[in-house]
Amino acid sequence: MIILFWACAIIIFYAYLGYPLWLAILKKVCPLPVAKGDYKPTISVVIAAHNEERNMLRRVQDIQNKVYPQDKLEVIVVSDGSTYQTIKPLRKQKFLNLNIIDLQL
């Protein structure tokens, strides 16, 4: 029983103090360089819409007006079997990087 007690105590000590201490020592001995810069990833915004004729143009305009490089932003609008003219106003406008997918039932 004593061996089992000390084995459990050592495991608990290692989990709460030993491992964090080991990581701190390892960080001081072998620091990993971090490349910092002005990196902005490409973002794709997907909008699934069903009968959203009134709101769709405003939503896409809001996304396009965000402070983010327009060449790194893509908007994908998927009309999921809409009975109304959900994507008709979007086709009339000239948005940068706008992809329209019209799924008919």
C-alpha atoms as a PDB file:
ATOM      1  CA  MET A   1       0.000   0.000   0.000  1.00  0.00           C
ATOM      2  CA  ILE A   2       2.833   2.367   0.770  1.00  0.00           C
ATOM      3  CA  ILE A   3       4.306   1.889  -2.701  1.00  0.00           C
ATOM      4  CA  LEU A   4       0.918   2.609  -4.282  1.00  0.00           C
ATOM      5  CA  PHE A   5       0.534   5.770  -2.149  1.00  0.00           C
ATOM      6  CA  TRP A   6       3.934   7.148  -3.123  1.00  0.00           C
ATOM      7  CA  ALA A   7       3.419   6.269  -6.796  1.00  0.00           C
ATOM      8  CA  CYS A   8       0.124   8.202  -6.813  1.00  0.00           C
ATOM      9  CA  ALA A   9       1.715  11.104  -4.921  1.00  0.00           C
ATOM     10  CA  ILE A  10       4.560  11.294  -7.444  1.00  0.00           C
ATOM     11  CA  ILE A  11       2.113  11.226 -10.372  1.00  0.00           C
ATOM     12  CA  ILE A  12       0.054  14.038  -8.846  1.00  0.00           C
ATOM     13  CA  PHE A  13       3.199  16.063  -8.065  1.00  0.00           C
ATOM     14  CA  TYR A  14       4.434  15.623 -11.639  1.00  0.00           C
ATOM     15  CA  ALA A  15       1.073  16.602 -13.123  1.00  0.00           C
ATOM     16  CA  TYR A  16       0.731  19.812 -11.105  1.00  0.00           C
ATOM     17  CA  LEU A  17       4.330  20.924 -10.585  1.00  0.00           C
ATOM     18  CA  GLY A  18       6.811  18.726 -12.418  1.00  0.00           C
ATOM     19  CA  TYR A  19       5.489  19.048 -15.957  1.00  0.00           C
ATOM     20  CA  PRO A  20       4.986  22.856 -15.863  1.00  0.00           C
ATOM     21  CA  LEU A  21       8.449  23.208 -14.333  1.00  0.00           C
ATOM     22  CA  TRP A  22       9.898  20.968 -17.068  1.00  0.00           C
ATOM     23  CA  LEU A  23       8.235  23.118 -19.760  1.00  0.00           C
ATOM     24  CA  ALA A  24       9.601  26.329 -18.206  1.00  0.00           C
ATOM     25  CA  ILE A  25      13.122  24.907 -18.150  1.00  0.00           C
ATOM     26  CA  LEU A  26      12.791  23.625 -21.708  1.00  0.00           C
ATOM     27  CA  LYS A  27      11.587  27.053 -22.870  1.00  0.00           C
ATOM     28  CA  LYS A  28      14.649  28.739 -21.355  1.00  0.00           C
ATOM     29  CA  VAL A  29      17.102  26.200 -22.774  1.00  0.00           C
ATOM     30  CA  CYS A  30      15.629  25.787 -26.293  1.00  0.00           C
ATOM     31  CA  PRO A  31      13.503  28.798 -27.231  1.00  0.00           C
ATOM     32  CA  LEU A  32      11.520  28.430 -30.449  1.00  0.00           C
ATOM     33  CA  PRO A  33      11.610  31.453 -32.743  1.00  0.00           C
ATOM     34  CA  VAL A  34       8.232  32.886 -33.643  1.00  0.00           C
ATOM     35  CA  ALA A  35       7.923  34.631 -36.980  1.00  0.00           C
ATOM     36  CA  LYS A  36       5.882  37.753 -36.367  1.00  0.00           C
ATOM     37  CA  GLY A  37       4.625  39.882 -39.173  1.00  0.00           C
ATOM     38  CA  ASP A  38       1.670  41.467 -40.818  1.00  0.00           C
ATOM     39  CA  TYR A  39       0.101  38.249 -42.108  1.00  0.00           C
ATOM     40  CA  LYS A  40      -3.552  38.283 -43.053  1.00  0.00           C
ATOM     41  CA  PRO A  41      -5.028  34.965 -44.164  1.00  0.00           C
ATOM     42  CA  THR A  42      -7.550  34.540 -46.939  1.00  0.00           C
ATOM     43  CA  ILE A  43     -11.057  34.457 -45.502  1.00  0.00           C
ATOM     44  CA  SER A  44     -14.118  32.886 -47.090  1.00  0.00           C
ATOM     45  CA  VAL A  45     -17.505  33.918 -45.750  1.00  0.00           C
ATOM     46  CA  VAL A  46     -20.276  31.477 -46.655  1.00  0.00           C
ATOM     47  CA  ILE A  47     -23.875  32.664 -46.446  1.00  0.00           C
ATOM     48  CA  ALA A  48     -26.604  30.046 -46.735  1.00  0.00           C
ATOM     49  CA  ALA A  49     -29.830  31.805 -47.641  1.00  0.00           C
ATOM     50  CA  HIS A  50     -33.416  30.749 -48.107  1.00  0.00           C
ATOM     51  CA  ASN A  51     -35.901  33.445 -49.147  1.00  0.00           C
ATOM     52  CA  GLU A  52     -33.701  36.342 -47.982  1.00  0.00           C
ATOM     53  CA  GLU A  53     -34.412  38.823 -50.766  1.00  0.00           C
ATOM     54  CA  ARG A  54     -34.785  41.803 -48.417  1.00  0.00           C
ATOM     55  CA  ASN A  55     -31.603  41.236 -46.413  1.00  0.00           C
ATOM     56  CA  MET A  56     -29.100  39.654 -48.768  1.00  0.00           C
ATOM     57  CA  LEU A  57     -27.805  42.791 -50.510  1.00  0.00           C
ATOM     58  CA  ARG A  58     -27.251  44.535 -47.176  1.00  0.00           C
ATOM     59  CA  ARG A  59     -25.444  41.515 -45.708  1.00  0.00           C
ATOM     60  CA  VAL A  60     -23.000  41.275 -48.590  1.00  0.00           C
ATOM     61  CA  GLN A  61     -22.398  45.040 -48.501  1.00  0.00           C
ATOM     62  CA  ASP A  62     -21.660  44.853 -44.755  1.00  0.00           C
ATOM     63  CA  ILE A  63     -19.123  42.092 -45.310  1.00  0.00           C
ATOM     64  CA  GLN A  64     -17.482  43.938 -48.225  1.00  0.00           C
ATOM     65  CA  ASN A  65     -17.234  47.159 -46.167  1.00  0.00           C
ATOM     66  CA  LYS A  66     -15.243  45.544 -43.348  1.00  0.00           C
ATOM     67  CA  VAL A  67     -11.699  46.762 -42.806  1.00  0.00           C
ATOM     68  CA  TYR A  68      -9.928  43.809 -44.384  1.00  0.00           C
ATOM     69  CA  PRO A  69      -7.954  43.566 -47.624  1.00  0.00           C
ATOM     70  CA  GLN A  70     -10.453  42.930 -50.410  1.00  0.00           C
ATOM     71  CA  ASP A  71      -8.053  40.626 -52.243  1.00  0.00           C
ATOM     72  CA  LYS A  72      -8.010  38.359 -49.157  1.00  0.00           C
ATOM     73  CA  LEU A  73     -11.795  38.253 -48.723  1.00  0.00           C
ATOM     74  CA  GLU A  74     -14.168  35.923 -50.569  1.00  0.00           C
ATOM     75  CA  VAL A  75     -17.946  35.885 -50.147  1.00  0.00           C
ATOM     76  CA  ILE A  76     -19.908  32.793 -51.154  1.00  0.00           C
ATOM     77  CA  VAL A  77     -23.705  33.057 -51.235  1.00  0.00           C
ATOM     78  CA  VAL A  78     -25.654  29.817 -51.505  1.00  0.00           C
ATOM     79  CA  SER A  79     -29.347  30.136 -52.273  1.00  0.00           C
ATOM     80  CA  ASP A  80     -30.893  26.943 -50.969  1.00  0.00           C
ATOM     81  CA  GLY A  81     -33.970  26.402 -53.119  1.00  0.00           C
ATOM     82  CA  SER A  82     -35.420  29.864 -52.547  1.00  0.00           C
ATOM     83  CA  THR A  83     -38.843  30.598 -53.968  1.00  0.00           C
ATOM     84  CA  TYR A  84     -38.192  34.333 -54.013  1.00  0.00           C
ATOM     85  CA  GLN A  85     -35.524  36.253 -55.907  1.00  0.00           C
ATOM     86  CA  THR A  86     -32.831  35.949 -53.229  1.00  0.00           C
ATOM     87  CA  ILE A  87     -29.809  36.322 -55.489  1.00  0.00           C
ATOM     88  CA  LYS A  88     -31.289  38.568 -58.158  1.00  0.00           C
ATOM     89  CA  PRO A  89     -30.159  41.840 -56.453  1.00  0.00           C
ATOM     90  CA  LEU A  90     -26.653  40.409 -56.018  1.00  0.00           C
ATOM     91  CA  ARG A  91     -26.270  39.645 -59.711  1.00  0.00           C
ATOM     92  CA  LYS A  92     -27.058  43.289 -60.565  1.00  0.00           C
ATOM     93  CA  GLN A  93     -24.304  44.615 -58.268  1.00  0.00           C
ATOM     94  CA  LYS A  94     -20.602  44.300 -59.026  1.00  0.00           C
ATOM     95  CA  PHE A  95     -19.021  42.903 -55.867  1.00  0.00           C
ATOM     96  CA  LEU A  96     -15.381  41.906 -55.695  1.00  0.00           C
ATOM     97  CA  ASN A  97     -14.767  38.184 -55.031  1.00  0.00           C
ATOM     98  CA  LEU A  98     -18.447  37.228 -54.843  1.00  0.00           C
ATOM     99  CA  ASN A  99     -19.445  33.696 -55.796  1.00  0.00           C
ATOM    100  CA  ILE A 100     -23.123  32.860 -56.132  1.00  0.00           C
ATOM    101  CA  ILE A 101     -24.408  29.300 -56.028  1.00  0.00           C
ATOM    102  CA  ASP A 102     -28.101  28.826 -56.781  1.00  0.00           C
ATOM    103  CA  LEU A 103     -29.438  25.425 -55.708  1.00  0.00           C
ATOM    104  CA  GLN A 104     -32.832  24.707 -57.225  1.00  0.00           C
ATOM    105  CA  LEU A 105     -35.144  22.077 -55.796  1.00  0.00           C
END
